[in-house]
Amino acid sequence: MEITFTPIGYVENEFDLPGPVGEMQKSVSRIVVREELAEGLEGIEKFKKLLVVFHFHLAPKSYQLRQHPRGDRSRPKRGVFALRSPHRPNPIGVTVVDLVAVEGNVLVVRGLDAINGTPVLDIKPFV
């Protein structure tokens, strides 16, 4: 079975390539939601945290079921489902972020570990 998603928007930030996780999590990103979907953001400002679902669009199509965490060969391999690696059977990422501001169809967030241009598939309140 094949499943197809259409992104609802994309990420804007300073990271064109993955950076140190701590640095990415401290930085502010913008999630630009497609204009025709902006009405769907109504009420989102009531939440402090959001769950962002995105596509690892630059991840290679190949993956291994057991990988070294962060590619660090000094660490023992673990199963891909026990890692946050972008190298997975379905290259989908999820991150809980802090909502900083809502500016029309743009969400300003802190804590997103996705790079500039990443397609966003969905946003949900985190409760």
Protein backbone atom coordinates (compact mmCIF):
# COMPACT_ATOMS: atom_id res chain seq x y z
CA MET A 1 0.00 0.00 0.00
CA GLU A 2 1.26 3.47 -0.83
CA ILE A 3 0.30 6.50 1.24
CA THR A 4 0.72 10.04 -0.05
CA PHE A 5 0.79 13.24 1.99
CA THR A 6 0.69 16.86 0.86
CA PRO A 7 2.67 19.20 3.13
CA ILE A 8 0.66 21.83 4.99
CA GLY A 9 3.65 24.14 5.08
CA TYR A 10 7.40 24.30 5.57
CA VAL A 11 10.08 25.27 8.07
CA GLU A 12 12.13 28.45 7.96
CA ASN A 13 15.24 28.67 10.13
CA GLU A 14 19.01 29.12 10.01
CA PHE A 15 19.87 25.42 9.61
CA ASP A 16 20.42 24.27 6.03
CA LEU A 17 21.94 21.05 7.39
CA PRO A 18 21.29 19.29 10.70
CA GLY A 19 23.21 20.97 13.49
CA PRO A 20 23.94 20.04 17.09
CA VAL A 21 20.65 18.99 18.67
CA GLY A 22 21.03 21.33 21.64
CA GLU A 23 21.69 24.28 19.37
CA MET A 24 18.70 23.47 17.16
CA GLN A 25 16.41 23.03 20.16
CA LYS A 26 17.36 26.44 21.59
CA SER A 27 16.79 28.25 18.30
CA VAL A 28 13.62 29.83 17.01
CA SER A 29 12.01 28.55 13.80
CA ARG A 30 9.06 29.63 11.74
CA ILE A 31 6.49 27.20 10.41
CA VAL A 32 4.86 28.77 7.37
CA VAL A 33 1.44 27.22 6.83
CA ARG A 34 -0.05 27.37 3.34
CA GLU A 35 -2.37 30.38 3.05
CA GLU A 36 -5.38 28.28 2.08
CA LEU A 37 -4.98 26.30 5.34
CA ALA A 38 -4.41 29.31 7.65
CA GLU A 39 -8.01 29.17 8.96
CA GLY A 40 -7.07 25.81 10.48
CA LEU A 41 -4.76 27.63 12.92
CA GLU A 42 -7.70 29.28 14.69
CA GLY A 43 -7.41 28.69 18.44
CA ILE A 44 -3.85 27.33 18.31
CA GLU A 45 -2.57 30.32 20.33
CA LYS A 46 -4.24 28.79 23.42
CA PHE A 47 -1.60 26.07 23.53
CA LYS A 48 1.92 26.43 24.89
CA LYS A 49 3.25 23.30 23.20
CA LEU A 50 2.65 21.79 19.79
CA LEU A 51 3.46 18.46 18.19
CA VAL A 52 4.96 19.03 14.75
CA VAL A 53 4.99 16.16 12.25
CA PHE A 54 7.39 16.58 9.34
CA HIS A 55 9.07 14.75 6.47
CA PHE A 56 12.84 14.10 6.50
CA HIS A 57 12.99 15.23 2.87
CA LEU A 58 16.79 15.00 2.56
CA ALA A 59 17.17 11.59 4.18
CA PRO A 60 18.48 8.85 1.89
CA LYS A 61 15.95 6.25 0.80
CA SER A 62 18.04 3.47 2.34
CA TYR A 63 18.13 2.66 6.04
CA GLN A 64 19.32 -0.01 8.43
CA LEU A 65 17.12 -1.55 11.09
CA ARG A 66 19.99 -1.29 13.58
CA GLN A 67 22.04 1.91 13.72
CA HIS A 68 24.60 3.64 15.90
CA PRO A 69 22.90 6.56 17.72
CA ARG A 70 23.75 9.80 15.86
CA GLY A 71 26.07 7.74 13.64
CA ASP A 72 28.58 7.53 16.52
CA ARG A 73 30.30 4.18 16.05
CA SER A 74 31.59 4.25 19.64
CA ARG A 75 28.00 3.79 20.81
CA PRO A 76 26.33 0.38 20.47
CA LYS A 77 23.76 -0.09 17.73
CA ARG A 78 20.07 0.11 18.55
CA GLY A 79 16.92 -0.58 16.62
CA VAL A 80 15.75 2.25 14.36
CA PHE A 81 12.48 2.48 16.29
CA ALA A 82 14.49 3.24 19.46
CA LEU A 83 16.18 6.21 17.75
CA ARG A 84 15.22 9.63 16.40
CA SER A 85 17.27 8.98 13.27
CA PRO A 86 16.02 10.35 9.93
CA HIS A 87 17.18 7.08 8.31
CA ARG A 88 13.98 5.07 8.77
CA PRO A 89 11.48 3.00 6.79
CA ASN A 90 9.16 6.05 6.66
CA PRO A 91 11.20 9.26 6.97
CA ILE A 92 8.78 11.01 9.32
CA GLY A 93 9.92 13.17 12.21
CA VAL A 94 7.98 14.44 15.21
CA THR A 95 9.00 17.09 17.72
CA VAL A 96 7.26 18.82 20.60
CA VAL A 97 7.92 22.56 20.38
CA ASP A 98 7.12 25.66 22.40
CA LEU A 99 4.73 28.05 20.66
CA VAL A 100 6.27 31.53 20.84
CA ALA A 101 3.88 33.48 18.61
CA VAL A 102 1.25 33.24 15.91
CA GLU A 103 1.69 35.71 13.04
CA GLY A 104 -1.11 35.11 10.56
CA ASN A 105 -0.26 31.87 8.78
CA VAL A 106 3.15 31.61 10.51
CA LEU A 107 3.88 29.87 13.80
CA VAL A 108 6.99 31.02 15.61
CA VAL A 109 8.30 28.08 17.66
CA ARG A 110 11.30 27.08 19.76
CA GLY A 111 12.71 23.56 19.93
CA LEU A 112 12.14 22.33 16.38
CA ASP A 113 14.87 19.97 15.20
CA ALA A 114 13.98 20.20 11.51
CA ILE A 115 16.08 22.07 8.96
CA ASN A 116 15.22 25.00 6.71
CA GLY A 117 12.76 23.99 3.98
CA THR A 118 11.53 20.85 5.75
CA PRO A 119 7.97 19.98 4.65
CA VAL A 120 5.53 20.03 7.58
CA LEU A 121 2.84 17.34 7.38
CA ASP A 122 0.73 18.20 10.42
CA ILE A 123 0.56 20.23 13.62
CA LYS A 124 -1.37 19.22 16.72
CA PRO A 125 -1.72 20.65 20.22
CA PHE A 126 0.45 18.78 22.71
CA VAL A 127 -1.51 18.08 25.88
